[in-house]
Amino acid sequence: MLRPYNRGSRLLPSIDGEPPRADRSVAQVLADNGFVDVARHLHQATGEEALIAPTAGGLRIDQIWVSGALAPCIIDYGVLDHGASDHPGLWTRLDLSWAATDDVWEYV
């Protein structure tokens, strides 16, 4: 369950008595501009559901995004223990040997 101070920034208002829905507008803007959600990218490649499991309050609000040019370099991703914060730490491993070097502006 999200704490009250987080609901307004993470949920869309309920419509016709339906439960509030996650606000995915920021993620959509990132995707529309060529960024890639690391966990979703690996999930699509492997089908491993744990990659897209909720990170807090029943939602996957903690994410790592990379430029589309780095997407082929993504080889691993994980979630760390919640011990130090109310948010988990996230990590990803990139194999930069897969990175194209002909147009470095793609990475900006």
N, C-alpha and C. Protein backbone atom coordinates (compact mmCIF):
# COMPACT_ATOMS: atom_id res chain seq x y z
N MET A 1 0.84 -1.18 0.00
CA MET A 1 0.00 0.00 0.00
C MET A 1 0.88 1.25 0.00
N LEU A 2 0.57 2.17 -0.89
CA LEU A 2 1.32 3.42 -0.93
C LEU A 2 0.93 4.30 0.24
N ARG A 3 1.90 4.99 0.78
CA ARG A 3 1.63 5.95 1.84
C ARG A 3 0.91 7.15 1.24
N PRO A 4 0.09 7.84 2.04
CA PRO A 4 -0.72 8.94 1.48
C PRO A 4 0.08 9.98 0.70
N TYR A 5 1.27 10.33 1.17
CA TYR A 5 2.04 11.37 0.47
C TYR A 5 2.57 10.89 -0.87
N ASN A 6 2.53 9.61 -1.15
CA ASN A 6 2.98 9.09 -2.44
C ASN A 6 1.84 8.88 -3.43
N ARG A 7 0.63 8.75 -2.93
CA ARG A 7 -0.49 8.43 -3.83
C ARG A 7 -0.68 9.48 -4.92
N GLY A 8 -0.62 10.76 -4.54
CA GLY A 8 -0.88 11.82 -5.49
C GLY A 8 0.10 11.88 -6.64
N SER A 9 1.32 11.48 -6.42
CA SER A 9 2.32 11.56 -7.48
C SER A 9 2.49 10.26 -8.25
N ARG A 10 1.86 9.20 -7.81
CA ARG A 10 2.06 7.90 -8.47
C ARG A 10 0.78 7.27 -9.02
N LEU A 11 -0.36 7.81 -8.63
CA LEU A 11 -1.62 7.21 -9.04
C LEU A 11 -2.49 8.23 -9.76
N LEU A 12 -3.25 7.74 -10.73
CA LEU A 12 -4.27 8.55 -11.38
C LEU A 12 -5.55 8.44 -10.56
N PRO A 13 -6.38 9.48 -10.56
CA PRO A 13 -7.62 9.41 -9.79
C PRO A 13 -8.50 8.25 -10.26
N SER A 14 -9.27 7.70 -9.33
CA SER A 14 -10.17 6.61 -9.69
C SER A 14 -11.31 7.17 -10.54
N ILE A 15 -11.83 6.33 -11.41
CA ILE A 15 -12.94 6.70 -12.29
C ILE A 15 -14.08 5.75 -12.02
N ASP A 16 -15.27 6.29 -11.77
CA ASP A 16 -16.47 5.49 -11.55
C ASP A 16 -16.27 4.40 -10.50
N GLY A 17 -15.61 4.74 -9.39
CA GLY A 17 -15.44 3.79 -8.31
C GLY A 17 -14.36 2.75 -8.52
N GLU A 18 -13.69 2.78 -9.67
CA GLU A 18 -12.59 1.83 -9.92
C GLU A 18 -11.43 2.19 -9.00
N PRO A 19 -10.57 1.23 -8.69
CA PRO A 19 -9.38 1.57 -7.89
C PRO A 19 -8.46 2.50 -8.68
N PRO A 20 -7.70 3.34 -8.00
CA PRO A 20 -6.75 4.21 -8.72
C PRO A 20 -5.76 3.37 -9.54
N ARG A 21 -5.32 3.94 -10.65
CA ARG A 21 -4.37 3.25 -11.53
C ARG A 21 -3.01 3.94 -11.45
N ALA A 22 -1.97 3.19 -11.73
CA ALA A 22 -0.62 3.75 -11.74
C ALA A 22 -0.51 4.81 -12.84
N ASP A 23 0.16 5.90 -12.54
CA ASP A 23 0.42 6.95 -13.53
C ASP A 23 1.68 6.57 -14.29
N ARG A 24 1.52 6.18 -15.53
CA ARG A 24 2.65 5.74 -16.34
C ARG A 24 3.12 6.81 -17.32
N SER A 25 2.70 8.05 -17.11
CA SER A 25 3.01 9.10 -18.08
C SER A 25 4.51 9.39 -18.18
N VAL A 26 5.23 9.37 -17.07
CA VAL A 26 6.68 9.63 -17.13
C VAL A 26 7.37 8.52 -17.91
N ALA A 27 7.01 7.28 -17.63
CA ALA A 27 7.59 6.15 -18.36
C ALA A 27 7.27 6.25 -19.85
N GLN A 28 6.07 6.69 -20.18
CA GLN A 28 5.69 6.81 -21.59
C GLN A 28 6.53 7.88 -22.29
N VAL A 29 6.78 9.00 -21.60
CA VAL A 29 7.61 10.05 -22.19
C VAL A 29 9.02 9.53 -22.44
N LEU A 30 9.58 8.80 -21.48
CA LEU A 30 10.92 8.23 -21.67
C LEU A 30 10.93 7.27 -22.87
N ALA A 31 9.95 6.37 -22.93
CA ALA A 31 9.88 5.40 -24.03
C ALA A 31 9.69 6.11 -25.37
N ASP A 32 8.83 7.13 -25.39
CA ASP A 32 8.59 7.88 -26.64
C ASP A 32 9.84 8.59 -27.14
N ASN A 33 10.79 8.83 -26.24
CA ASN A 33 12.02 9.52 -26.62
C ASN A 33 13.21 8.58 -26.74
N GLY A 34 12.93 7.29 -26.90
CA GLY A 34 13.97 6.33 -27.22
C GLY A 34 14.68 5.68 -26.06
N PHE A 35 14.21 5.93 -24.83
CA PHE A 35 14.83 5.28 -23.68
C PHE A 35 14.22 3.91 -23.46
N VAL A 36 14.95 3.04 -22.80
CA VAL A 36 14.54 1.65 -22.61
C VAL A 36 14.55 1.32 -21.12
N ASP A 37 13.46 0.75 -20.65
CA ASP A 37 13.33 0.26 -19.27
C ASP A 37 14.12 -1.05 -19.20
N VAL A 38 15.19 -1.06 -18.42
CA VAL A 38 16.10 -2.20 -18.36
C VAL A 38 15.38 -3.48 -17.96
N ALA A 39 14.59 -3.44 -16.90
CA ALA A 39 13.90 -4.65 -16.42
C ALA A 39 12.91 -5.17 -17.46
N ARG A 40 12.14 -4.27 -18.06
CA ARG A 40 11.16 -4.70 -19.06
C ARG A 40 11.87 -5.28 -20.28
N HIS A 41 12.98 -4.67 -20.68
CA HIS A 41 13.76 -5.17 -21.82
C HIS A 41 14.20 -6.62 -21.57
N LEU A 42 14.75 -6.88 -20.39
CA LEU A 42 15.18 -8.25 -20.06
C LEU A 42 13.99 -9.19 -19.92
N HIS A 43 12.88 -8.68 -19.37
CA HIS A 43 11.68 -9.51 -19.24
C HIS A 43 11.17 -9.94 -20.62
N GLN A 44 11.17 -9.02 -21.57
CA GLN A 44 10.72 -9.36 -22.92
C GLN A 44 11.63 -10.41 -23.56
N ALA A 45 12.90 -10.37 -23.23
CA ALA A 45 13.85 -11.33 -23.80
C ALA A 45 13.79 -12.69 -23.13
N THR A 46 13.49 -12.71 -21.82
CA THR A 46 13.57 -13.96 -21.06
C THR A 46 12.23 -14.50 -20.57
N GLY A 47 11.23 -13.63 -20.45
CA GLY A 47 9.95 -14.03 -19.87
C GLY A 47 9.97 -14.17 -18.36
N GLU A 48 11.07 -13.81 -17.72
CA GLU A 48 11.21 -13.95 -16.28
C GLU A 48 10.38 -12.88 -15.56
N GLU A 49 9.29 -13.31 -14.92
CA GLU A 49 8.35 -12.40 -14.27
C GLU A 49 8.96 -11.63 -13.11
N ALA A 50 9.94 -12.20 -12.42
CA ALA A 50 10.55 -11.52 -11.26
C ALA A 50 11.19 -10.20 -11.67
N LEU A 51 11.56 -10.06 -12.92
CA LEU A 51 12.19 -8.82 -13.38
C LEU A 51 11.26 -7.62 -13.30
N ILE A 52 9.95 -7.86 -13.44
CA ILE A 52 9.00 -6.76 -13.43
C ILE A 52 8.10 -6.80 -12.20
N ALA A 53 8.57 -7.42 -11.14
CA ALA A 53 7.81 -7.49 -9.89
C ALA A 53 7.74 -6.10 -9.25
N PRO A 54 6.67 -5.83 -8.49
CA PRO A 54 6.56 -4.54 -7.79
C PRO A 54 7.76 -4.31 -6.87
N THR A 55 8.18 -3.05 -6.78
CA THR A 55 9.29 -2.69 -5.90
C THR A 55 8.81 -1.97 -4.65
N ALA A 56 7.61 -1.39 -4.68
CA ALA A 56 7.08 -0.68 -3.51
C ALA A 56 5.59 -0.44 -3.70
N GLY A 57 4.83 -0.63 -2.64
CA GLY A 57 3.41 -0.31 -2.67
C GLY A 57 2.62 -1.03 -3.74
N GLY A 58 3.06 -2.22 -4.15
CA GLY A 58 2.35 -2.97 -5.17
C GLY A 58 2.61 -2.49 -6.59
N LEU A 59 3.51 -1.52 -6.74
CA LEU A 59 3.85 -0.98 -8.06
C LEU A 59 5.35 -1.11 -8.29
N ARG A 60 5.74 -1.15 -9.54
CA ARG A 60 7.18 -1.16 -9.86
C ARG A 60 7.58 0.29 -10.11
N ILE A 61 7.79 1.03 -9.01
CA ILE A 61 8.09 2.45 -9.13
C ILE A 61 9.58 2.74 -9.24
N ASP A 62 10.40 1.79 -8.91
CA ASP A 62 11.86 1.96 -8.97
C ASP A 62 12.34 1.29 -10.26
N GLN A 63 12.97 2.07 -11.13
CA GLN A 63 13.34 1.58 -12.44
C GLN A 63 14.68 2.16 -12.87
N ILE A 64 15.33 1.47 -13.79
CA ILE A 64 16.53 1.99 -14.46
C ILE A 64 16.19 2.10 -15.95
N TRP A 65 16.46 3.26 -16.51
CA TRP A 65 16.26 3.48 -17.94
C TRP A 65 17.60 3.82 -18.58
N VAL A 66 17.83 3.33 -19.79
CA VAL A 66 19.04 3.65 -20.55
C VAL A 66 18.65 4.15 -21.93
N SER A 67 19.57 4.83 -22.58
CA SER A 67 19.30 5.25 -23.96
C SER A 67 19.12 4.01 -24.82
N GLY A 68 18.33 4.14 -25.87
CA GLY A 68 18.07 3.01 -26.75
C GLY A 68 19.33 2.41 -27.34
N ALA A 69 20.35 3.24 -27.54
CA ALA A 69 21.61 2.75 -28.09
C ALA A 69 22.30 1.76 -27.15
N LEU A 70 22.01 1.86 -25.84
CA LEU A 70 22.62 0.93 -24.88
C LEU A 70 21.79 -0.34 -24.66
N ALA A 71 20.59 -0.40 -25.20
CA ALA A 71 19.73 -1.57 -24.98
C ALA A 71 20.40 -2.90 -25.35
N PRO A 72 21.13 -3.00 -26.47
CA PRO A 72 21.78 -4.27 -26.78
C PRO A 72 22.85 -4.67 -25.78
N CYS A 73 23.30 -3.73 -24.96
CA CYS A 73 24.37 -3.99 -23.99
C CYS A 73 23.85 -4.55 -22.67
N ILE A 74 22.53 -4.52 -22.45
CA ILE A 74 21.96 -4.95 -21.17
C ILE A 74 22.09 -6.46 -21.05
N ILE A 75 22.76 -6.92 -19.99
CA ILE A 75 22.90 -8.36 -19.80
C ILE A 75 22.35 -8.86 -18.47
N ASP A 76 22.15 -7.96 -17.50
CA ASP A 76 21.63 -8.41 -16.21
C ASP A 76 21.06 -7.22 -15.45
N TYR A 77 20.22 -7.54 -14.46
CA TYR A 77 19.52 -6.52 -13.67
C TYR A 77 19.12 -7.17 -12.36
N GLY A 78 19.09 -6.39 -11.30
CA GLY A 78 18.64 -6.94 -10.03
C GLY A 78 18.17 -5.87 -9.07
N VAL A 79 17.48 -6.33 -8.03
CA VAL A 79 16.95 -5.48 -6.97
C VAL A 79 17.65 -5.86 -5.68
N LEU A 80 18.14 -4.86 -4.96
CA LEU A 80 18.82 -5.08 -3.69
C LEU A 80 17.83 -4.99 -2.53
N ASP A 81 18.25 -5.43 -1.38
CA ASP A 81 17.43 -5.41 -0.17
C ASP A 81 16.99 -3.99 0.17
N HIS A 82 15.79 -3.88 0.76
CA HIS A 82 15.22 -2.59 1.16
C HIS A 82 15.83 -2.02 2.44
N GLY A 83 16.80 -2.64 3.06
CA GLY A 83 17.27 -2.27 4.38
C GLY A 83 17.62 -0.82 4.62
N ALA A 84 18.20 -0.13 3.66
CA ALA A 84 18.70 1.22 3.90
C ALA A 84 17.69 2.32 3.58
N SER A 85 16.58 1.98 2.96
CA SER A 85 15.64 3.00 2.51
C SER A 85 14.26 2.37 2.34
N ASP A 86 13.26 3.21 2.08
CA ASP A 86 11.95 2.66 1.74
C ASP A 86 11.89 2.30 0.26
N HIS A 87 12.99 2.50 -0.46
CA HIS A 87 13.11 2.08 -1.86
C HIS A 87 14.28 1.11 -1.97
N PRO A 88 14.16 0.11 -2.83
CA PRO A 88 15.28 -0.81 -3.00
C PRO A 88 16.36 -0.19 -3.89
N GLY A 89 17.56 -0.66 -3.73
CA GLY A 89 18.60 -0.31 -4.68
C GLY A 89 18.45 -1.18 -5.92
N LEU A 90 18.77 -0.64 -7.06
CA LEU A 90 18.72 -1.39 -8.31
C LEU A 90 20.11 -1.40 -8.93
N TRP A 91 20.40 -2.43 -9.69
CA TRP A 91 21.67 -2.49 -10.40
C TRP A 91 21.44 -3.10 -11.77
N THR A 92 22.31 -2.79 -12.68
CA THR A 92 22.29 -3.42 -13.99
C THR A 92 23.72 -3.66 -14.44
N ARG A 93 23.89 -4.64 -15.27
CA ARG A 93 25.21 -4.93 -15.84
C ARG A 93 25.10 -4.76 -17.35
N LEU A 94 26.04 -4.00 -17.90
CA LEU A 94 26.08 -3.75 -19.33
C LEU A 94 27.36 -4.35 -19.90
N ASP A 95 27.25 -4.96 -21.07
CA ASP A 95 28.44 -5.43 -21.79
C ASP A 95 28.69 -4.42 -22.90
N LEU A 96 29.60 -3.50 -22.64
CA LEU A 96 29.83 -2.40 -23.57
C LEU A 96 30.52 -2.83 -24.86
N SER A 97 30.95 -4.08 -24.93
CA SER A 97 31.49 -4.55 -26.21
C SER A 97 30.39 -4.62 -27.27
N TRP A 98 29.13 -4.62 -26.85
CA TRP A 98 28.00 -4.61 -27.78
C TRP A 98 27.63 -3.20 -28.22
N ALA A 99 28.23 -2.19 -27.61
CA ALA A 99 27.89 -0.80 -27.93
C ALA A 99 28.48 -0.40 -29.28
N ALA A 100 27.66 0.24 -30.08
CA ALA A 100 28.15 0.78 -31.35
C ALA A 100 29.01 2.01 -31.04
N THR A 101 30.08 2.16 -31.76
CA THR A 101 30.98 3.29 -31.52
C THR A 101 31.03 4.25 -32.70
N ASP A 102 30.19 4.02 -33.71
CA ASP A 102 30.22 4.86 -34.89
C ASP A 102 29.50 6.19 -34.71
N ASP A 103 28.56 6.28 -33.75
CA ASP A 103 27.83 7.53 -33.51
C ASP A 103 27.61 7.69 -32.02
N VAL A 104 28.60 8.24 -31.33
CA VAL A 104 28.50 8.33 -29.86
C VAL A 104 27.39 9.26 -29.40
N TRP A 105 26.89 10.13 -30.26
CA TRP A 105 25.78 11.01 -29.87
C TRP A 105 24.52 10.22 -29.57
N GLU A 106 24.42 8.99 -30.02
CA GLU A 106 23.26 8.16 -29.71
C GLU A 106 23.15 7.89 -28.21
N TYR A 107 24.24 8.01 -27.49
CA TYR A 107 24.26 7.66 -26.08
C TYR A 107 23.91 8.83 -25.17
N VAL A 108 23.76 10.00 -25.73
CA VAL A 108 23.48 11.20 -24.93
C VAL A 108 22.00 11.32 -24.66
